[in-house]
């Protein structure tokens, strides 16, 4: 019996998971697809298949709901430090993305409290300047 989370859409049905992950991954920009493929094929030789598939699905579900800027920065950091060669898999990358998202939100709130919000845009009415 499969179950779908009402909040995030995650499903426990492996067939549906594979289909959704494949569709979403195909929609990602190629500059993000390439490093993720590289990591996947590196880990595929060194990780159990079931664990790799489960971690891959979890990663793609996180990527789907996260800003692409945050994901791109996290993947670039992961690749630069070659964490996959240090035995750190998709769970590690997923946590990197989640932490960077949290950090980004905290920085945004701090800047907002420090500098305030932008003033409202003043437009021209009825052609008068």
C-alpha atoms as a PDB file:
ATOM      1  CA  UNK A   1       0.000   0.000   0.000  1.00  0.00           C
ATOM      2  CA  UNK A   2       1.444   3.349  -0.982  1.00  0.00           C
ATOM      3  CA  UNK A   3       1.032   6.556   0.916  1.00  0.00           C
ATOM      4  CA  UNK A   4       1.480  10.136  -0.244  1.00  0.00           C
ATOM      5  CA  UNK A   5       2.462  12.862   2.207  1.00  0.00           C
ATOM      6  CA  UNK A   6      -0.074  15.693   2.105  1.00  0.00           C
ATOM      7  CA  UNK A   7       2.584  18.318   2.845  1.00  0.00           C
ATOM      8  CA  UNK A   8       5.407  17.452   0.454  1.00  0.00           C
ATOM      9  CA  UNK A   9       3.946  14.930  -1.973  1.00  0.00           C
ATOM     10  CA  UNK A  10       6.434  12.181  -1.078  1.00  0.00           C
ATOM     11  CA  UNK A  11       5.139   8.725  -1.960  1.00  0.00           C
ATOM     12  CA  UNK A  12       6.245   5.332  -0.674  1.00  0.00           C
ATOM     13  CA  UNK A  13       5.354   3.522  -3.893  1.00  0.00           C
ATOM     14  CA  UNK A  14       8.704   2.705  -5.575  1.00  0.00           C
ATOM     15  CA  UNK A  15       7.289   2.785  -9.101  1.00  0.00           C
ATOM     16  CA  UNK A  16       5.697   6.203  -8.616  1.00  0.00           C
ATOM     17  CA  UNK A  17       8.857   7.453  -6.905  1.00  0.00           C
ATOM     18  CA  UNK A  18      11.036   6.404  -9.827  1.00  0.00           C
ATOM     19  CA  UNK A  19       8.683   8.009 -12.357  1.00  0.00           C
ATOM     20  CA  UNK A  20       8.411  11.307 -10.443  1.00  0.00           C
ATOM     21  CA  UNK A  21      12.148  11.502  -9.784  1.00  0.00           C
ATOM     22  CA  UNK A  22      12.962  10.842 -13.440  1.00  0.00           C
ATOM     23  CA  UNK A  23      10.524  13.547 -14.589  1.00  0.00           C
ATOM     24  CA  UNK A  24      11.798  16.128 -12.150  1.00  0.00           C
ATOM     25  CA  UNK A  25      15.450  15.345 -12.763  1.00  0.00           C
ATOM     26  CA  UNK A  26      14.872  15.788 -16.509  1.00  0.00           C
ATOM     27  CA  UNK A  27      13.562  19.306 -15.832  1.00  0.00           C
ATOM     28  CA  UNK A  28      16.717  20.391 -13.961  1.00  0.00           C
ATOM     29  CA  UNK A  29      19.261  22.585 -15.772  1.00  0.00           C
ATOM     30  CA  UNK A  30      22.093  20.618 -17.390  1.00  0.00           C
ATOM     31  CA  UNK A  31      24.732  22.386 -15.272  1.00  0.00           C
ATOM     32  CA  UNK A  32      23.060  20.783 -12.256  1.00  0.00           C
ATOM     33  CA  UNK A  33      22.312  17.422 -13.877  1.00  0.00           C
ATOM     34  CA  UNK A  34      25.915  16.703 -14.839  1.00  0.00           C
ATOM     35  CA  UNK A  35      27.487  16.825 -11.355  1.00  0.00           C
ATOM     36  CA  UNK A  36      24.555  14.893  -9.888  1.00  0.00           C
ATOM     37  CA  UNK A  37      25.007  12.178 -12.520  1.00  0.00           C
ATOM     38  CA  UNK A  38      28.726  12.075 -11.783  1.00  0.00           C
ATOM     39  CA  UNK A  39      28.056  11.642  -8.067  1.00  0.00           C
ATOM     40  CA  UNK A  40      25.398   8.986  -8.761  1.00  0.00           C
ATOM     41  CA  UNK A  41      27.638   6.857 -10.956  1.00  0.00           C
ATOM     42  CA  UNK A  42      30.545   7.159  -8.531  1.00  0.00           C
ATOM     43  CA  UNK A  43      28.380   6.094  -5.596  1.00  0.00           C
ATOM     44  CA  UNK A  44      26.637   3.365  -7.622  1.00  0.00           C
ATOM     45  CA  UNK A  45      29.836   1.292  -7.612  1.00  0.00           C
ATOM     46  CA  UNK A  46      30.395   1.760  -3.888  1.00  0.00           C
ATOM     47  CA  UNK A  47      26.953   1.727  -2.263  1.00  0.00           C
ATOM     48  CA  UNK A  48      24.201  -0.848  -1.879  1.00  0.00           C
ATOM     49  CA  UNK A  49      21.586  -0.450  -4.592  1.00  0.00           C
ATOM     50  CA  UNK A  50      18.582  -0.161  -2.249  1.00  0.00           C
ATOM     51  CA  UNK A  51      20.226   2.469  -0.062  1.00  0.00           C
ATOM     52  CA  UNK A  52      21.414   4.427  -3.092  1.00  0.00           C
ATOM     53  CA  UNK A  53      17.933   4.490  -4.668  1.00  0.00           C
ATOM     54  CA  UNK A  54      16.296   5.533  -1.400  1.00  0.00           C
ATOM     55  CA  UNK A  55      18.837   8.311  -0.801  1.00  0.00           C
ATOM     56  CA  UNK A  56      18.575   9.462  -4.440  1.00  0.00           C
ATOM     57  CA  UNK A  57      14.785   9.785  -4.177  1.00  0.00           C
ATOM     58  CA  UNK A  58      15.059  11.745  -0.928  1.00  0.00           C
ATOM     59  CA  UNK A  59      17.654  14.057  -2.484  1.00  0.00           C
ATOM     60  CA  UNK A  60      15.570  14.770  -5.581  1.00  0.00           C
ATOM     61  CA  UNK A  61      12.473  15.478  -3.472  1.00  0.00           C
ATOM     62  CA  UNK A  62      14.514  18.052  -1.497  1.00  0.00           C
ATOM     63  CA  UNK A  63      15.939  19.555  -4.695  1.00  0.00           C
ATOM     64  CA  UNK A  64      12.408  19.904  -6.042  1.00  0.00           C
ATOM     65  CA  UNK A  65      11.259  22.156  -3.194  1.00  0.00           C
ATOM     66  CA  UNK A  66      14.484  24.142  -2.777  1.00  0.00           C
ATOM     67  CA  UNK A  67      15.767  27.197  -4.622  1.00  0.00           C
ATOM     68  CA  UNK A  68      18.027  26.196  -7.521  1.00  0.00           C
ATOM     69  CA  UNK A  69      20.623  28.748  -6.374  1.00  0.00           C
ATOM     70  CA  UNK A  70      20.943  26.986  -3.035  1.00  0.00           C
ATOM     71  CA  UNK A  71      21.079  23.554  -4.691  1.00  0.00           C
ATOM     72  CA  UNK A  72      23.682  24.677  -7.222  1.00  0.00           C
ATOM     73  CA  UNK A  73      25.885  26.173  -4.503  1.00  0.00           C
ATOM     74  CA  UNK A  74      25.573  23.032  -2.354  1.00  0.00           C
ATOM     75  CA  UNK A  75      26.392  20.688  -5.240  1.00  0.00           C
ATOM     76  CA  UNK A  76      29.363  22.851  -6.255  1.00  0.00           C
ATOM     77  CA  UNK A  77      30.707  22.774  -2.695  1.00  0.00           C
ATOM     78  CA  UNK A  78      30.141  19.012  -2.505  1.00  0.00           C
ATOM     79  CA  UNK A  79      31.999  18.438  -5.778  1.00  0.00           C
ATOM     80  CA  UNK A  80      34.809  20.873  -4.963  1.00  0.00           C
ATOM     81  CA  UNK A  81      35.512  19.112  -1.668  1.00  0.00           C
ATOM     82  CA  UNK A  82      35.001  15.681  -3.300  1.00  0.00           C
ATOM     83  CA  UNK A  83      32.807  14.482  -0.472  1.00  0.00           C
ATOM     84  CA  UNK A  84      31.604  11.549  -2.581  1.00  0.00           C
ATOM     85  CA  UNK A  85      35.174  10.225  -2.596  1.00  0.00           C
ATOM     86  CA  UNK A  86      35.266  10.545   1.197  1.00  0.00           C
ATOM     87  CA  UNK A  87      32.308   8.169   1.508  1.00  0.00           C
ATOM     88  CA  UNK A  88      29.679  10.850   2.017  1.00  0.00           C
ATOM     89  CA  UNK A  89      26.664  10.060  -0.121  1.00  0.00           C
ATOM     90  CA  UNK A  90      23.387  11.638  -1.112  1.00  0.00           C
ATOM     91  CA  UNK A  91      22.195  11.972   2.488  1.00  0.00           C
ATOM     92  CA  UNK A  92      25.163  14.220   3.191  1.00  0.00           C
ATOM     93  CA  UNK A  93      24.402  16.354   0.127  1.00  0.00           C
ATOM     94  CA  UNK A  94      20.718  16.506   1.093  1.00  0.00           C
ATOM     95  CA  UNK A  95      21.611  17.768   4.574  1.00  0.00           C
ATOM     96  CA  UNK A  96      24.015  20.309   3.031  1.00  0.00           C
ATOM     97  CA  UNK A  97      21.137  21.670   0.933  1.00  0.00           C
ATOM     98  CA  UNK A  98      18.750  21.787   3.895  1.00  0.00           C
ATOM     99  CA  UNK A  99      21.320  23.537   6.100  1.00  0.00           C
ATOM    100  CA  UNK A 100      22.187  26.094   3.437  1.00  0.00           C
ATOM    101  CA  UNK A 101      18.484  26.828   2.963  1.00  0.00           C
ATOM    102  CA  UNK A 102      18.083  27.344   6.693  1.00  0.00           C
ATOM    103  CA  UNK A 103      21.197  29.541   6.800  1.00  0.00           C
ATOM    104  CA  UNK A 104      19.949  31.587   3.851  1.00  0.00           C
ATOM    105  CA  UNK A 105      16.604  32.205   5.550  1.00  0.00           C
ATOM    106  CA  UNK A 106      18.305  33.219   8.806  1.00  0.00           C
ATOM    107  CA  UNK A 107      20.605  35.646   6.984  1.00  0.00           C
ATOM    108  CA  UNK A 108      17.648  37.118   5.130  1.00  0.00           C
ATOM    109  CA  UNK A 109      15.762  37.672   8.400  1.00  0.00           C
ATOM    110  CA  UNK A 110      18.843  39.223  10.019  1.00  0.00           C
ATOM    111  CA  UNK A 111      19.350  41.608   7.092  1.00  0.00           C
ATOM    112  CA  UNK A 112      15.688  42.521   7.144  1.00  0.00           C
ATOM    113  CA  UNK A 113      15.822  43.353  10.859  1.00  0.00           C
ATOM    114  CA  UNK A 114      19.077  45.276  10.394  1.00  0.00           C
ATOM    115  CA  UNK A 115      18.232  47.273   7.278  1.00  0.00           C
ATOM    116  CA  UNK A 116      14.437  47.079   7.146  1.00  0.00           C
ATOM    117  CA  UNK A 117      12.431  46.447   4.038  1.00  0.00           C
ATOM    118  CA  UNK A 118      12.568  48.296   0.754  1.00  0.00           C
ATOM    119  CA  UNK A 119      10.490  51.456   0.578  1.00  0.00           C
ATOM    120  CA  UNK A 120       7.337  51.235  -1.498  1.00  0.00           C
ATOM    121  CA  UNK A 121       7.682  51.990  -5.187  1.00  0.00           C
ATOM    122  CA  UNK A 122       6.332  55.411  -6.046  1.00  0.00           C
ATOM    123  CA  UNK A 123       4.711  55.480  -9.430  1.00  0.00           C
ATOM    124  CA  UNK A 124       3.566  58.231 -11.729  1.00  0.00           C
ATOM    125  CA  UNK A 125      -0.197  58.889 -11.632  1.00  0.00           C
ATOM    126  CA  UNK A 126      -2.174  60.342 -14.494  1.00  0.00           C
ATOM    127  CA  UNK A 127       0.924  61.384 -16.405  1.00  0.00           C
ATOM    128  CA  UNK A 128       1.925  63.980 -13.756  1.00  0.00           C
ATOM    129  CA  UNK A 129       5.511  63.983 -12.638  1.00  0.00           C
END
